[in-house]
């Protein structure tokens, strides 16, 4: 009986867990890390969670220098926060200390305005509570 209760309690948690490649929605752009230093624990986790080919791409393209020009500077980032929420993003993996990595691919973001459209895939490192699997309800009046 205890096992059944445990499984019943665990099911909603497992159902909401993100797996690599899941579509995610950015709900809090302010939680995106603009400067992030990968720790040795991050490196160990990444080696288990992503392919050898993905690892250098993630590290190279997770900083503002790789993002579209209009969100590279802090003021542009803040001014475009609502647009950042519209990016089509995919979950890559979780880092050990409460961060998630999401990919912003070229495909799916062609409709973004020219100054926000990715020319190549890039990545955001964001706190886990900055993304969700559920599509957010549109704000009233939009």
N, C-alpha and C. Protein backbone atom coordinates (compact mmCIF):
# COMPACT_ATOMS: atom_id res chain seq x y z
N UNK A 1 0.82 -1.19 0.00
CA UNK A 1 0.00 0.00 0.00
C UNK A 1 0.87 1.26 0.00
N UNK A 2 1.95 1.25 0.81
CA UNK A 2 2.84 2.40 0.86
C UNK A 2 3.48 2.67 -0.49
N UNK A 3 3.81 1.59 -1.22
CA UNK A 3 4.41 1.76 -2.55
C UNK A 3 3.43 2.43 -3.50
N UNK A 4 2.15 2.06 -3.42
CA UNK A 4 1.14 2.67 -4.29
C UNK A 4 0.98 4.15 -4.00
N UNK A 5 0.98 4.51 -2.74
CA UNK A 5 0.87 5.92 -2.36
C UNK A 5 2.08 6.69 -2.86
N UNK A 6 3.27 6.11 -2.69
CA UNK A 6 4.49 6.76 -3.15
C UNK A 6 4.44 6.97 -4.66
N UNK A 7 4.05 5.94 -5.40
CA UNK A 7 3.96 6.04 -6.85
C UNK A 7 2.93 7.09 -7.26
N UNK A 8 1.79 7.11 -6.58
CA UNK A 8 0.75 8.09 -6.88
C UNK A 8 1.25 9.52 -6.65
N UNK A 9 2.05 9.71 -5.61
CA UNK A 9 2.60 11.04 -5.33
C UNK A 9 3.72 11.41 -6.31
N UNK A 10 4.45 10.42 -6.77
CA UNK A 10 5.58 10.65 -7.66
C UNK A 10 5.15 10.92 -9.10
N UNK A 11 4.04 10.38 -9.53
CA UNK A 11 3.60 10.50 -10.92
C UNK A 11 3.50 11.94 -11.42
N UNK A 12 2.85 12.85 -10.69
CA UNK A 12 2.78 14.22 -11.21
C UNK A 12 4.16 14.88 -11.34
N UNK A 13 5.07 14.53 -10.45
CA UNK A 13 6.42 15.08 -10.53
C UNK A 13 7.11 14.57 -11.78
N UNK A 14 7.02 13.27 -12.03
CA UNK A 14 7.64 12.69 -13.22
C UNK A 14 7.00 13.20 -14.49
N UNK A 15 5.71 13.39 -14.46
CA UNK A 15 4.99 13.86 -15.66
C UNK A 15 5.41 15.27 -16.03
N UNK A 16 5.79 16.09 -15.05
CA UNK A 16 6.18 17.46 -15.35
C UNK A 16 7.68 17.61 -15.57
N UNK A 17 8.44 16.54 -15.43
CA UNK A 17 9.88 16.62 -15.62
C UNK A 17 10.19 16.92 -17.08
N UNK A 18 11.23 17.69 -17.28
CA UNK A 18 11.64 18.03 -18.63
C UNK A 18 12.62 16.98 -19.13
N UNK A 19 12.48 16.63 -20.38
CA UNK A 19 13.45 15.74 -21.00
C UNK A 19 14.05 16.45 -22.20
N UNK A 20 15.24 16.06 -22.55
CA UNK A 20 15.96 16.71 -23.64
C UNK A 20 15.08 16.77 -24.88
N UNK A 21 15.02 17.96 -25.43
CA UNK A 21 14.24 18.16 -26.65
C UNK A 21 12.82 18.64 -26.42
N UNK A 22 12.37 18.68 -25.15
CA UNK A 22 11.03 19.19 -24.86
C UNK A 22 10.94 20.66 -25.22
N UNK A 23 9.82 21.05 -25.78
CA UNK A 23 9.54 22.47 -26.03
C UNK A 23 9.29 23.11 -24.68
N UNK A 24 9.97 24.20 -24.41
CA UNK A 24 9.77 24.94 -23.17
C UNK A 24 9.41 26.38 -23.51
N UNK A 25 8.81 27.04 -22.54
CA UNK A 25 8.40 28.43 -22.70
C UNK A 25 9.16 29.27 -21.68
N UNK A 26 9.77 30.32 -22.16
CA UNK A 26 10.48 31.24 -21.27
C UNK A 26 9.43 32.13 -20.62
N UNK A 27 9.33 32.07 -19.31
CA UNK A 27 8.32 32.87 -18.60
C UNK A 27 8.95 34.00 -17.79
N UNK A 28 10.26 33.96 -17.60
CA UNK A 28 10.93 34.99 -16.81
C UNK A 28 12.30 35.31 -17.43
N UNK A 29 12.31 36.14 -18.47
CA UNK A 29 13.59 36.46 -19.12
C UNK A 29 14.63 37.04 -18.16
N UNK A 30 14.18 37.69 -17.11
CA UNK A 30 15.13 38.27 -16.15
C UNK A 30 15.94 37.20 -15.43
N UNK A 31 15.52 35.94 -15.53
CA UNK A 31 16.24 34.84 -14.87
C UNK A 31 17.31 34.22 -15.79
N UNK A 32 17.44 34.77 -16.98
CA UNK A 32 18.49 34.32 -17.91
C UNK A 32 19.82 34.87 -17.42
N UNK A 33 20.82 34.00 -17.37
CA UNK A 33 22.15 34.39 -16.92
C UNK A 33 22.90 35.04 -18.08
N UNK A 34 23.34 36.26 -17.87
CA UNK A 34 24.09 36.95 -18.92
C UNK A 34 25.58 36.65 -18.82
N UNK A 35 26.02 36.31 -17.63
CA UNK A 35 27.41 35.88 -17.41
C UNK A 35 27.35 34.60 -16.60
N UNK A 36 27.93 33.56 -17.12
CA UNK A 36 27.91 32.29 -16.41
C UNK A 36 29.27 31.63 -16.57
N UNK A 37 29.83 31.20 -15.47
CA UNK A 37 31.09 30.48 -15.48
C UNK A 37 30.80 29.03 -15.17
N UNK A 38 31.12 28.17 -16.11
CA UNK A 38 30.89 26.74 -15.91
C UNK A 38 31.86 26.22 -14.85
N UNK A 39 31.30 25.51 -13.88
CA UNK A 39 32.11 24.92 -12.82
C UNK A 39 32.55 23.52 -13.25
N UNK A 40 33.44 22.92 -12.48
CA UNK A 40 33.85 21.55 -12.79
C UNK A 40 32.66 20.60 -12.62
N UNK A 41 31.76 20.89 -11.66
CA UNK A 41 30.55 20.08 -11.50
C UNK A 41 29.65 20.20 -12.74
N UNK A 42 29.54 21.42 -13.28
CA UNK A 42 28.77 21.61 -14.52
C UNK A 42 29.37 20.78 -15.64
N UNK A 43 30.70 20.85 -15.77
CA UNK A 43 31.37 20.12 -16.85
C UNK A 43 31.12 18.62 -16.73
N UNK A 44 31.21 18.09 -15.52
CA UNK A 44 30.96 16.65 -15.31
C UNK A 44 29.52 16.30 -15.69
N UNK A 45 28.57 17.12 -15.26
CA UNK A 45 27.16 16.86 -15.57
C UNK A 45 26.92 16.96 -17.06
N UNK A 46 27.47 17.99 -17.70
CA UNK A 46 27.26 18.17 -19.14
C UNK A 46 27.80 17.00 -19.94
N UNK A 47 28.94 16.48 -19.54
CA UNK A 47 29.53 15.35 -20.27
C UNK A 47 28.62 14.13 -20.23
N UNK A 48 27.80 14.03 -19.19
CA UNK A 48 26.87 12.91 -19.09
C UNK A 48 25.56 13.19 -19.83
N UNK A 49 25.23 14.47 -20.00
CA UNK A 49 23.90 14.84 -20.49
C UNK A 49 23.84 15.26 -21.95
N UNK A 50 24.96 15.68 -22.51
CA UNK A 50 24.96 16.12 -23.91
C UNK A 50 26.06 15.41 -24.68
N UNK A 51 25.97 15.45 -25.98
CA UNK A 51 26.98 14.78 -26.81
C UNK A 51 28.27 15.58 -26.82
N UNK A 52 29.33 14.91 -27.24
CA UNK A 52 30.64 15.58 -27.35
C UNK A 52 30.57 16.77 -28.29
N UNK A 53 29.74 16.66 -29.32
CA UNK A 53 29.61 17.74 -30.30
C UNK A 53 28.82 18.92 -29.75
N UNK A 54 27.85 18.64 -28.89
CA UNK A 54 27.01 19.71 -28.33
C UNK A 54 27.75 20.55 -27.30
N UNK A 55 28.61 19.93 -26.53
CA UNK A 55 29.27 20.61 -25.40
C UNK A 55 29.99 21.89 -25.81
N UNK A 56 30.87 21.87 -26.81
CA UNK A 56 31.54 23.13 -27.17
C UNK A 56 30.56 24.16 -27.74
N UNK A 57 29.54 23.71 -28.45
CA UNK A 57 28.55 24.64 -29.00
C UNK A 57 27.79 25.34 -27.89
N UNK A 58 27.40 24.59 -26.87
CA UNK A 58 26.68 25.18 -25.74
C UNK A 58 27.56 26.22 -25.06
N UNK A 59 28.78 25.85 -24.76
CA UNK A 59 29.68 26.77 -24.05
C UNK A 59 29.99 28.02 -24.89
N UNK A 60 30.11 27.84 -26.19
CA UNK A 60 30.45 28.97 -27.06
C UNK A 60 29.27 29.90 -27.32
N UNK A 61 28.04 29.39 -27.25
CA UNK A 61 26.88 30.17 -27.68
C UNK A 61 25.87 30.44 -26.57
N UNK A 62 26.34 30.50 -25.33
CA UNK A 62 25.42 30.76 -24.21
C UNK A 62 25.65 32.14 -23.59
N UNK A 63 26.37 32.97 -24.28
CA UNK A 63 26.66 34.30 -23.76
C UNK A 63 26.08 35.36 -24.70
N UNK A 64 25.88 36.56 -24.21
CA UNK A 64 25.30 37.62 -25.04
C UNK A 64 26.01 37.83 -26.38
N UNK A 65 27.31 37.59 -26.45
CA UNK A 65 28.04 37.78 -27.70
C UNK A 65 27.49 36.90 -28.83
N UNK A 66 26.84 35.78 -28.48
CA UNK A 66 26.28 34.88 -29.49
C UNK A 66 24.79 35.11 -29.74
N UNK A 67 24.19 35.97 -28.96
CA UNK A 67 22.75 36.23 -29.09
C UNK A 67 22.51 37.28 -30.17
N UNK A 68 21.27 37.39 -30.65
CA UNK A 68 20.97 38.47 -31.60
C UNK A 68 21.38 39.83 -31.02
N UNK A 69 21.86 40.67 -31.88
CA UNK A 69 22.45 41.95 -31.48
C UNK A 69 21.55 42.79 -30.56
N UNK A 70 20.26 42.77 -30.79
CA UNK A 70 19.36 43.64 -30.02
C UNK A 70 19.17 43.19 -28.57
N UNK A 71 19.60 41.99 -28.22
CA UNK A 71 19.49 41.55 -26.82
C UNK A 71 20.87 41.36 -26.17
N UNK A 72 21.92 41.77 -26.85
CA UNK A 72 23.26 41.63 -26.29
C UNK A 72 23.51 42.61 -25.15
N UNK A 73 23.07 43.83 -25.31
CA UNK A 73 23.29 44.85 -24.28
C UNK A 73 22.17 44.77 -23.24
N UNK A 74 22.48 45.07 -21.97
CA UNK A 74 21.46 45.00 -20.92
C UNK A 74 20.20 45.81 -21.22
N UNK A 75 20.35 47.00 -21.78
CA UNK A 75 19.16 47.82 -22.06
C UNK A 75 18.31 47.17 -23.16
N UNK A 76 18.95 46.65 -24.19
CA UNK A 76 18.22 45.98 -25.26
C UNK A 76 17.54 44.72 -24.76
N UNK A 77 18.21 44.04 -23.85
CA UNK A 77 17.64 42.82 -23.28
C UNK A 77 16.36 43.16 -22.52
N UNK A 78 16.44 44.20 -21.68
CA UNK A 78 15.25 44.60 -20.91
C UNK A 78 14.13 45.09 -21.82
N UNK A 79 14.47 45.87 -22.83
CA UNK A 79 13.45 46.40 -23.74
C UNK A 79 12.76 45.29 -24.53
N UNK A 80 13.44 44.18 -24.74
CA UNK A 80 12.89 43.08 -25.54
C UNK A 80 12.44 41.89 -24.70
N UNK A 81 12.23 42.08 -23.42
CA UNK A 81 11.86 40.97 -22.53
C UNK A 81 10.58 40.27 -23.00
N UNK A 82 9.57 41.02 -23.43
CA UNK A 82 8.35 40.38 -23.90
C UNK A 82 8.59 39.57 -25.17
N UNK A 83 9.46 40.05 -26.04
CA UNK A 83 9.78 39.31 -27.27
C UNK A 83 10.57 38.05 -26.96
N UNK A 84 11.44 38.11 -25.96
CA UNK A 84 12.23 36.94 -25.57
C UNK A 84 11.30 35.80 -25.15
N UNK A 85 10.18 36.15 -24.52
CA UNK A 85 9.21 35.13 -24.10
C UNK A 85 8.58 34.43 -25.30
N UNK A 86 8.67 35.02 -26.48
CA UNK A 86 8.06 34.44 -27.68
C UNK A 86 9.00 33.50 -28.43
N UNK A 87 10.25 33.42 -28.01
CA UNK A 87 11.17 32.50 -28.68
C UNK A 87 10.66 31.06 -28.57
N UNK A 88 10.81 30.33 -29.64
CA UNK A 88 10.62 28.88 -29.59
C UNK A 88 11.91 28.34 -28.99
N UNK A 89 11.80 27.65 -27.86
CA UNK A 89 12.96 27.17 -27.12
C UNK A 89 12.81 25.70 -26.78
N UNK A 90 13.94 25.01 -26.67
CA UNK A 90 13.93 23.59 -26.34
C UNK A 90 14.87 23.31 -25.17
N UNK A 91 14.38 22.50 -24.25
CA UNK A 91 15.16 22.11 -23.08
C UNK A 91 16.35 21.25 -23.53
N UNK A 92 17.52 21.55 -22.99
CA UNK A 92 18.71 20.75 -23.26
C UNK A 92 19.04 19.90 -22.04
N UNK A 93 19.24 20.54 -20.89
CA UNK A 93 19.55 19.80 -19.67
C UNK A 93 19.54 20.74 -18.47
N UNK A 94 19.57 20.14 -17.28
CA UNK A 94 19.70 20.89 -16.04
C UNK A 94 21.15 20.83 -15.59
N UNK A 95 21.62 21.93 -15.03
CA UNK A 95 22.94 21.96 -14.41
C UNK A 95 22.77 21.67 -12.92
N UNK A 96 23.83 21.29 -12.24
CA UNK A 96 23.70 20.86 -10.84
C UNK A 96 23.15 21.89 -9.85
N UNK A 97 23.28 23.18 -10.12
CA UNK A 97 22.94 24.16 -9.10
C UNK A 97 21.74 25.04 -9.48
N UNK A 98 20.68 24.41 -9.99
CA UNK A 98 19.42 25.13 -10.21
C UNK A 98 19.29 25.87 -11.52
N UNK A 99 20.17 25.59 -12.47
CA UNK A 99 20.11 26.23 -13.78
C UNK A 99 19.67 25.21 -14.82
N UNK A 100 19.01 25.71 -15.86
CA UNK A 100 18.68 24.89 -17.01
C UNK A 100 19.31 25.52 -18.24
N UNK A 101 19.61 24.68 -19.21
CA UNK A 101 20.09 25.18 -20.50
C UNK A 101 18.98 24.95 -21.51
N UNK A 102 18.64 26.01 -22.24
CA UNK A 102 17.66 25.89 -23.32
C UNK A 102 18.29 26.37 -24.61
N UNK A 103 17.89 25.73 -25.70
CA UNK A 103 18.39 26.11 -27.02
C UNK A 103 17.34 26.95 -27.72
N UNK A 104 17.79 27.99 -28.38
CA UNK A 104 16.94 28.80 -29.24
C UNK A 104 17.40 28.49 -30.67
N UNK A 105 16.66 27.65 -31.38
CA UNK A 105 17.09 27.26 -32.73
C UNK A 105 16.69 28.32 -33.77
N UNK A 106 17.25 28.20 -34.94
CA UNK A 106 16.85 29.06 -36.06
C UNK A 106 15.44 28.67 -36.49
N UNK A 107 15.23 27.34 -36.68
CA UNK A 107 13.94 26.83 -37.10
C UNK A 107 12.91 27.10 -36.02
N UNK A 108 11.78 27.65 -36.41
CA UNK A 108 10.73 27.95 -35.45
C UNK A 108 10.75 29.40 -35.01
N UNK A 109 11.86 30.08 -35.25
CA UNK A 109 11.97 31.48 -34.86
C UNK A 109 12.09 32.42 -36.06
N UNK A 110 11.71 31.91 -37.22
CA UNK A 110 11.79 32.72 -38.44
C UNK A 110 10.84 33.92 -38.41
N UNK A 111 9.79 33.82 -37.63
CA UNK A 111 8.79 34.89 -37.57
C UNK A 111 9.18 36.02 -36.61
N UNK A 112 10.26 35.83 -35.87
CA UNK A 112 10.72 36.89 -34.98
C UNK A 112 11.16 38.08 -35.83
N UNK A 113 11.10 39.27 -35.25
CA UNK A 113 11.54 40.45 -36.00
C UNK A 113 13.01 40.30 -36.36
N UNK A 114 13.42 40.97 -37.39
CA UNK A 114 14.77 40.85 -37.93
C UNK A 114 15.85 41.00 -36.85
N UNK A 115 15.68 41.94 -35.94
CA UNK A 115 16.72 42.19 -34.94
C UNK A 115 16.72 41.17 -33.79
N UNK A 116 15.73 40.28 -33.76
CA UNK A 116 15.69 39.23 -32.73
C UNK A 116 15.84 37.83 -33.30
N UNK A 117 15.77 37.71 -34.60
CA UNK A 117 15.80 36.41 -35.27
C UNK A 117 17.20 35.79 -35.16
N UNK A 118 17.28 34.53 -34.71
CA UNK A 118 18.60 33.88 -34.65
C UNK A 118 19.12 33.58 -36.05
N UNK A 119 20.39 33.85 -36.25
CA UNK A 119 21.04 33.47 -37.51
C UNK A 119 21.68 32.09 -37.37
N UNK A 120 21.93 31.70 -36.12
CA UNK A 120 22.43 30.37 -35.79
C UNK A 120 21.85 30.03 -34.42
N UNK A 121 21.77 28.75 -34.08
CA UNK A 121 21.23 28.39 -32.76
C UNK A 121 22.09 29.02 -31.65
N UNK A 122 21.43 29.42 -30.58
CA UNK A 122 22.14 29.89 -29.41
C UNK A 122 21.45 29.34 -28.18
N UNK A 123 22.04 29.58 -27.02
CA UNK A 123 21.57 28.97 -25.78
C UNK A 123 21.38 30.03 -24.70
N UNK A 124 20.42 29.77 -23.83
CA UNK A 124 20.26 30.54 -22.61
C UNK A 124 20.50 29.62 -21.44
N UNK A 125 21.19 30.12 -20.44
CA UNK A 125 21.26 29.44 -19.15
C UNK A 125 20.31 30.24 -18.26
N UNK A 126 19.33 29.56 -17.72
CA UNK A 126 18.25 30.22 -17.01
C UNK A 126 17.91 29.41 -15.76
N UNK A 127 17.50 30.08 -14.70
CA UNK A 127 17.11 29.32 -13.52
C UNK A 127 15.90 28.46 -13.88
N UNK A 128 15.79 27.33 -13.23
CA UNK A 128 14.74 26.36 -13.57
C UNK A 128 13.34 26.96 -13.50
N UNK A 129 13.13 27.95 -12.61
CA UNK A 129 11.80 28.54 -12.51
C UNK A 129 11.56 29.63 -13.56
N UNK A 130 12.50 29.82 -14.46
CA UNK A 130 12.34 30.79 -15.53
C UNK A 130 11.74 30.21 -16.79
N UNK A 131 11.57 28.86 -16.81
CA UNK A 131 10.96 28.18 -17.96
C UNK A 131 9.88 27.22 -17.48
N UNK A 132 8.99 26.88 -18.38
CA UNK A 132 7.92 25.94 -18.06
C UNK A 132 7.60 25.11 -19.29
N UNK A 133 7.03 23.94 -19.06
CA UNK A 133 6.58 23.08 -20.16
C UNK A 133 5.20 23.50 -20.67
N UNK A 134 4.46 24.19 -19.82
CA UNK A 134 3.10 24.60 -20.16
C UNK A 134 3.11 25.94 -20.87
N UNK A 135 2.37 26.02 -21.96
CA UNK A 135 2.27 27.30 -22.65
C UNK A 135 1.54 28.30 -21.75
N UNK A 136 2.15 29.44 -21.49
CA UNK A 136 1.50 30.42 -20.62
C UNK A 136 0.21 30.97 -21.24
N UNK A 137 -0.74 31.27 -20.38
CA UNK A 137 -1.98 31.89 -20.83
C UNK A 137 -1.66 33.29 -21.35
N UNK A 138 -2.25 33.67 -22.49
CA UNK A 138 -2.01 35.03 -22.97
C UNK A 138 -2.60 36.05 -22.00
N UNK A 139 -1.91 37.18 -21.88
CA UNK A 139 -2.42 38.24 -21.03
C UNK A 139 -3.70 38.80 -21.62
N UNK A 140 -4.63 39.15 -20.78
CA UNK A 140 -5.88 39.73 -21.26
C UNK A 140 -5.59 41.06 -21.92
N UNK A 141 -6.28 41.30 -23.01
CA UNK A 141 -6.08 42.52 -23.75
C UNK A 141 -5.10 42.37 -24.88
N UNK A 142 -4.45 41.20 -25.01
CA UNK A 142 -3.51 40.96 -26.12
C UNK A 142 -4.18 40.19 -27.22
